[in-house]
């Protein structure tokens, strides 16, 4: 097949990305969304949901490592982990590197995302066969609301806050998350670009601060996400989160103790974000 280009259609972004593509490896539609796997000469295989790039083989590790390892190293002894979303398996792969983790509950709305990822992204989806992993395919907000279990760590690997994804950014969901956390529990969720969505980021921080003792913001550069300067809002019921509370033993490509510390936004910038004086 001759090469062509793919124009991303991201409703939450003011810009559009164009990718060179050498082929379409998969195209289908589940009950919830369109699922496409593209082959790119620059990024390798790419997972696209409803016209928006979710990951590429070339740089997915930046996102998945920082989503998983910051919170798991901030927690002094994470044994039980809930992942909401994350059907591609990348976050699960990183969580399972921690020997302290004895049980992972992954709740993904769309079973077809898991199956497509197993087929086309085995480097991400290998963790689904781990005996510590339990999978439920259902609405994550419903699961959290009715869950009888408690978790040391809750990780929300969410899409943009549009469509179904909006449910994962509500006050009700955050309160439900708090109710399933253990006494020393921690929570993290991706909260979009600090370049393009700083008002949204500030709103997430303020609303989480009404529920959690500790709320912080950290960022990493992500080339394939519009706005690039990508944020994660992390909250804790007890312990601080801006430094490792456990010695790092897992093997990573990017994350380490220095990356952990330097990812958190400067205090002055965080203050401006929260008081509304950030002007860009």
Protein backbone atom coordinates (compact mmCIF):
# COMPACT_ATOMS: atom_id res chain seq x y z
CA UNK A 1 0.00 0.00 0.00
CA UNK A 2 1.32 3.45 -0.89
CA UNK A 3 1.74 5.92 1.93
CA UNK A 4 -0.90 8.46 2.88
CA UNK A 5 -1.63 10.80 5.76
CA UNK A 6 -3.94 10.56 8.75
CA UNK A 7 -5.56 13.76 10.03
CA UNK A 8 -6.40 13.44 13.69
CA UNK A 9 -9.84 14.69 14.74
CA UNK A 10 -9.52 15.63 18.42
CA UNK A 11 -12.60 17.54 19.67
CA UNK A 12 -10.77 18.66 22.82
CA UNK A 13 -7.84 20.27 20.98
CA UNK A 14 -7.54 23.62 19.16
CA UNK A 15 -5.06 22.13 16.68
CA UNK A 16 -4.94 19.09 14.39
CA UNK A 17 -2.04 16.68 13.98
CA UNK A 18 -1.18 15.04 10.65
CA UNK A 19 0.68 11.72 10.61
CA UNK A 20 2.39 9.95 7.74
CA UNK A 21 0.89 6.47 7.54
CA UNK A 22 2.03 3.44 5.56
CA UNK A 23 -0.98 1.21 6.17
CA UNK A 24 -4.20 0.41 8.02
CA UNK A 25 -3.74 -2.76 10.06
CA UNK A 26 -7.21 -2.84 11.58
CA UNK A 27 -10.44 -0.90 11.31
CA UNK A 28 -13.60 -1.78 13.19
CA UNK A 29 -16.41 -0.41 15.28
CA UNK A 30 -17.36 -1.66 18.71
CA UNK A 31 -20.54 -0.91 20.60
CA UNK A 32 -18.88 2.23 21.96
CA UNK A 33 -16.41 3.61 19.42
CA UNK A 34 -14.45 3.29 16.20
CA UNK A 35 -11.15 1.45 16.69
CA UNK A 36 -8.32 1.77 14.16
CA UNK A 37 -4.72 0.54 14.18
CA UNK A 38 -2.38 2.38 11.81
CA UNK A 39 1.20 1.69 10.79
CA UNK A 40 3.41 4.78 10.76
CA UNK A 41 6.99 4.98 9.44
CA UNK A 42 7.76 7.47 12.21
CA UNK A 43 5.80 6.13 15.22
CA UNK A 44 5.27 2.43 14.56
CA UNK A 45 1.83 1.04 15.23
CA UNK A 46 -0.74 3.60 16.45
CA UNK A 47 -4.00 3.01 18.31
CA UNK A 48 -6.75 5.45 17.27
CA UNK A 49 -10.16 5.68 18.98
CA UNK A 50 -12.88 7.78 17.36
CA UNK A 51 -10.30 9.62 15.27
CA UNK A 52 -7.98 10.48 18.20
CA UNK A 53 -4.53 8.93 18.65
CA UNK A 54 -4.36 7.15 22.01
CA UNK A 55 -0.83 5.80 21.79
CA UNK A 56 2.06 5.06 19.48
CA UNK A 57 4.69 2.37 19.89
CA UNK A 58 7.47 4.92 19.75
CA UNK A 59 6.55 7.05 22.76
CA UNK A 60 3.84 5.28 24.77
CA UNK A 61 6.29 4.48 27.56
CA UNK A 62 6.55 8.15 28.61
CA UNK A 63 2.84 8.26 29.41
CA UNK A 64 2.46 4.79 30.91
CA UNK A 65 5.58 4.94 33.05
CA UNK A 66 4.73 8.32 34.53
CA UNK A 67 1.07 7.49 35.09
CA UNK A 68 1.96 4.31 36.98
CA UNK A 69 5.33 4.75 38.68
CA UNK A 70 4.94 8.18 40.25
CA UNK A 71 1.98 7.06 42.35
CA UNK A 72 3.32 3.57 43.03
CA UNK A 73 6.62 4.95 44.31
CA UNK A 74 4.89 7.69 46.29
CA UNK A 75 2.84 5.05 48.13
CA UNK A 76 4.87 3.32 50.87
CA UNK A 77 3.45 -0.16 50.24
CA UNK A 78 0.96 -0.54 47.37
CA UNK A 79 -0.57 -4.02 47.36
CA UNK A 80 -3.92 -3.54 45.62
CA UNK A 81 -4.43 -1.40 42.53
CA UNK A 82 -7.53 -0.42 40.58
CA UNK A 83 -7.06 0.73 36.97
CA UNK A 84 -10.08 2.40 35.38
CA UNK A 85 -9.68 2.38 31.60
CA UNK A 86 -6.31 1.36 30.25
CA UNK A 87 -7.62 -1.33 27.92
CA UNK A 88 -4.46 -1.18 25.81
CA UNK A 89 -2.54 -2.72 28.72
CA UNK A 90 0.30 -0.19 28.91
CA UNK A 91 -0.45 1.08 32.40
CA UNK A 92 -1.09 -2.48 33.56
CA UNK A 93 2.31 -3.54 32.23
CA UNK A 94 4.03 -0.89 34.36
CA UNK A 95 1.96 -1.60 37.50
CA UNK A 96 2.85 -5.29 37.35
CA UNK A 97 6.57 -4.48 37.55
CA UNK A 98 6.07 -3.79 41.26
CA UNK A 99 6.57 -6.92 43.36
CA UNK A 100 4.58 -5.36 46.22
CA UNK A 101 1.44 -5.41 44.05
CA UNK A 102 -0.55 -8.55 44.80
CA UNK A 103 -3.82 -7.79 43.00
CA UNK A 104 -4.83 -5.53 40.10
CA UNK A 105 -8.44 -4.91 39.14
CA UNK A 106 -8.73 -3.43 35.65
CA UNK A 107 -12.11 -2.05 34.59
CA UNK A 108 -12.38 -1.26 30.88
CA UNK A 109 -15.64 -0.26 29.20
CA UNK A 110 -14.82 -1.67 25.77
CA UNK A 111 -13.72 -5.32 25.59
CA UNK A 112 -12.79 -4.88 21.94
CA UNK A 113 -10.03 -2.42 22.87
CA UNK A 114 -8.44 -5.16 24.99
CA UNK A 115 -8.74 -7.75 22.22
CA UNK A 116 -7.34 -5.42 19.54
CA UNK A 117 -4.44 -4.49 21.83
CA UNK A 118 -3.62 -8.13 22.53
CA UNK A 119 -3.47 -8.75 18.78
CA UNK A 120 -1.56 -5.68 17.61
CA UNK A 121 0.27 -4.41 20.71
CA UNK A 122 1.61 -7.50 22.50
CA UNK A 123 4.36 -5.38 24.04
CA UNK A 124 1.70 -3.49 25.95
CA UNK A 125 -0.98 -6.10 26.50
CA UNK A 126 1.08 -8.99 27.86
CA UNK A 127 0.03 -8.26 31.43
CA UNK A 128 -3.53 -9.48 30.91
CA UNK A 129 -2.30 -13.07 31.39
CA UNK A 130 -0.73 -12.33 34.78
CA UNK A 131 -2.53 -14.23 37.59
CA UNK A 132 -2.62 -11.08 39.73
CA UNK A 133 -4.88 -9.38 37.18
CA UNK A 134 -8.68 -9.40 37.24
CA UNK A 135 -10.60 -7.77 34.38
CA UNK A 136 -14.14 -6.47 34.25
CA UNK A 137 -15.60 -4.96 31.09
CA UNK A 138 -18.11 -2.41 32.32
CA UNK A 139 -18.59 1.28 33.04
CA UNK A 140 -15.82 2.25 35.44
CA UNK A 141 -17.99 4.78 37.24
CA UNK A 142 -20.55 2.07 38.00
CA UNK A 143 -17.85 -0.29 39.22
CA UNK A 144 -16.37 2.25 41.61
CA UNK A 145 -19.79 3.22 42.95
CA UNK A 146 -20.69 -0.38 43.82
CA UNK A 147 -17.25 -1.83 44.59
CA UNK A 148 -17.05 -3.68 47.88
CA UNK A 149 -13.24 -3.73 47.83
CA UNK A 150 -10.72 -1.13 48.95
CA UNK A 151 -7.56 -0.29 47.04
CA UNK A 152 -4.24 1.26 47.96
CA UNK A 153 -3.98 2.96 44.58
CA UNK A 154 -6.56 3.98 41.98
CA UNK A 155 -5.26 4.92 38.51
CA UNK A 156 -7.60 6.39 35.93
CA UNK A 157 -6.19 5.92 32.42
CA UNK A 158 -8.85 8.05 30.76
CA UNK A 159 -9.50 9.41 27.30
CA UNK A 160 -10.29 13.11 26.84
CA UNK A 161 -13.26 14.41 28.88
CA UNK A 162 -15.72 14.15 26.02
CA UNK A 163 -18.50 11.64 25.48
CA UNK A 164 -18.24 8.75 27.92
CA UNK A 165 -14.96 10.14 29.24
CA UNK A 166 -16.76 13.06 30.92
CA UNK A 167 -18.03 10.69 33.62
CA UNK A 168 -14.50 10.12 34.89
CA UNK A 169 -13.97 13.81 35.69
CA UNK A 170 -17.00 14.52 37.88
CA UNK A 171 -17.24 15.34 41.58
CA UNK A 172 -19.39 12.25 42.09
CA UNK A 173 -16.75 9.98 40.59
CA UNK A 174 -13.96 11.56 42.65
CA UNK A 175 -16.02 11.07 45.82
CA UNK A 176 -16.68 7.45 44.86
CA UNK A 177 -12.95 6.92 44.29
CA UNK A 178 -12.21 8.28 47.75
CA UNK A 179 -14.71 5.83 49.22
CA UNK A 180 -12.87 2.81 47.76
CA UNK A 181 -9.39 3.92 48.80
CA UNK A 182 -7.65 2.41 51.80
CA UNK A 183 -6.66 4.58 54.77
CA UNK A 184 -3.38 5.53 53.04
CA UNK A 185 -4.79 5.45 49.52
CA UNK A 186 -3.73 7.49 46.51
CA UNK A 187 -5.40 8.46 43.24
CA UNK A 188 -4.09 9.71 39.89
CA UNK A 189 -5.78 10.76 36.65
CA UNK A 190 -4.53 12.38 33.44
CA UNK A 191 -5.83 15.96 33.22
CA UNK A 192 -4.94 17.20 29.73
CA UNK A 193 -2.49 19.85 28.51
CA UNK A 194 -1.19 22.71 30.61
CA UNK A 195 -0.68 24.64 27.35
CA UNK A 196 -4.21 24.33 26.01
CA UNK A 197 -6.36 23.43 29.01
CA UNK A 198 -4.93 25.19 32.07
CA UNK A 199 -8.40 26.27 33.25
CA UNK A 200 -9.57 22.67 33.09
CA UNK A 201 -6.42 21.55 34.95
CA UNK A 202 -7.00 24.17 37.66
CA UNK A 203 -10.61 23.07 38.04
CA UNK A 204 -9.53 19.45 38.54
CA UNK A 205 -6.98 20.47 41.19
CA UNK A 206 -9.46 22.63 43.08
CA UNK A 207 -12.19 20.00 43.09
CA UNK A 208 -9.85 17.24 44.23
CA UNK A 209 -8.58 19.51 47.02
CA UNK A 210 -12.08 19.52 48.51
CA UNK A 211 -11.83 15.76 49.06
CA UNK A 212 -8.17 14.86 49.57
CA UNK A 213 -5.58 15.95 52.11
CA UNK A 214 -2.81 16.15 49.50
CA UNK A 215 -3.31 17.23 45.87
CA UNK A 216 -0.44 17.89 43.48
CA UNK A 217 0.19 18.32 39.76
CA UNK A 218 2.96 16.86 37.64
CA UNK A 219 3.74 17.05 33.93
CA UNK A 220 5.67 15.31 31.19
CA UNK A 221 6.31 16.14 27.52
CA UNK A 222 4.24 13.94 25.17
CA UNK A 223 4.80 14.55 21.47
CA UNK A 224 1.67 12.75 20.26
CA UNK A 225 -0.82 14.48 22.56
CA UNK A 226 -2.03 17.90 21.47
CA UNK A 227 -0.57 20.52 23.77
CA UNK A 228 2.45 18.34 24.55
CA UNK A 229 2.91 19.52 28.18
CA UNK A 230 0.69 16.80 29.64
CA UNK A 231 -0.59 16.91 33.20
CA UNK A 232 -1.49 14.33 35.83
CA UNK A 233 -3.46 15.24 38.94
CA UNK A 234 -2.46 13.09 41.90
CA UNK A 235 -4.20 12.99 45.27
CA UNK A 236 -3.44 11.29 48.58
CA UNK A 237 -5.39 10.65 51.75
CA UNK A 238 -2.27 10.86 53.92
CA UNK A 239 1.25 10.66 52.46
CA UNK A 240 3.09 13.26 50.33
CA UNK A 241 3.52 12.34 46.68
CA UNK A 242 6.26 14.56 45.26
CA UNK A 243 9.14 12.22 46.17
CA UNK A 244 9.72 8.48 46.14
CA UNK A 245 8.69 6.80 49.39
CA UNK A 246 10.14 3.48 48.23
CA UNK A 247 13.43 2.59 46.60
CA UNK A 248 13.06 2.05 42.88
CA UNK A 249 13.58 -1.55 41.82
CA UNK A 250 11.59 -1.62 38.58
CA UNK A 251 13.26 -1.31 35.18
CA UNK A 252 12.08 1.69 33.17
CA UNK A 253 13.07 3.63 30.07
CA UNK A 254 12.37 7.15 31.39
CA UNK A 255 11.06 7.20 34.95
CA UNK A 256 13.48 7.38 37.87
CA UNK A 257 13.85 9.26 41.14
CA UNK A 258 15.03 12.44 39.42
CA UNK A 259 12.21 12.30 36.85
CA UNK A 260 9.75 11.87 39.72
CA UNK A 261 10.91 14.97 41.58
CA UNK A 262 11.31 17.21 38.54
CA UNK A 263 7.93 16.31 37.04
CA UNK A 264 6.00 18.28 39.68
CA UNK A 265 5.17 21.83 38.65
CA UNK A 266 7.01 24.65 40.51
CA UNK A 267 5.16 25.97 43.56
CA UNK A 268 4.80 29.46 42.13
CA UNK A 269 3.28 28.14 38.92
CA UNK A 270 0.94 25.88 40.89
CA UNK A 271 -0.19 28.85 43.00
CA UNK A 272 -0.89 30.95 39.90
CA UNK A 273 -2.82 28.07 38.38
CA UNK A 274 -5.07 27.75 41.42
CA UNK A 275 -5.67 31.45 42.07
CA UNK A 276 -6.50 32.17 38.42
CA UNK A 277 -3.58 34.51 37.78
CA UNK A 278 -1.94 32.25 35.20
CA UNK A 279 -2.26 34.19 31.96
CA UNK A 280 -1.44 32.42 28.71
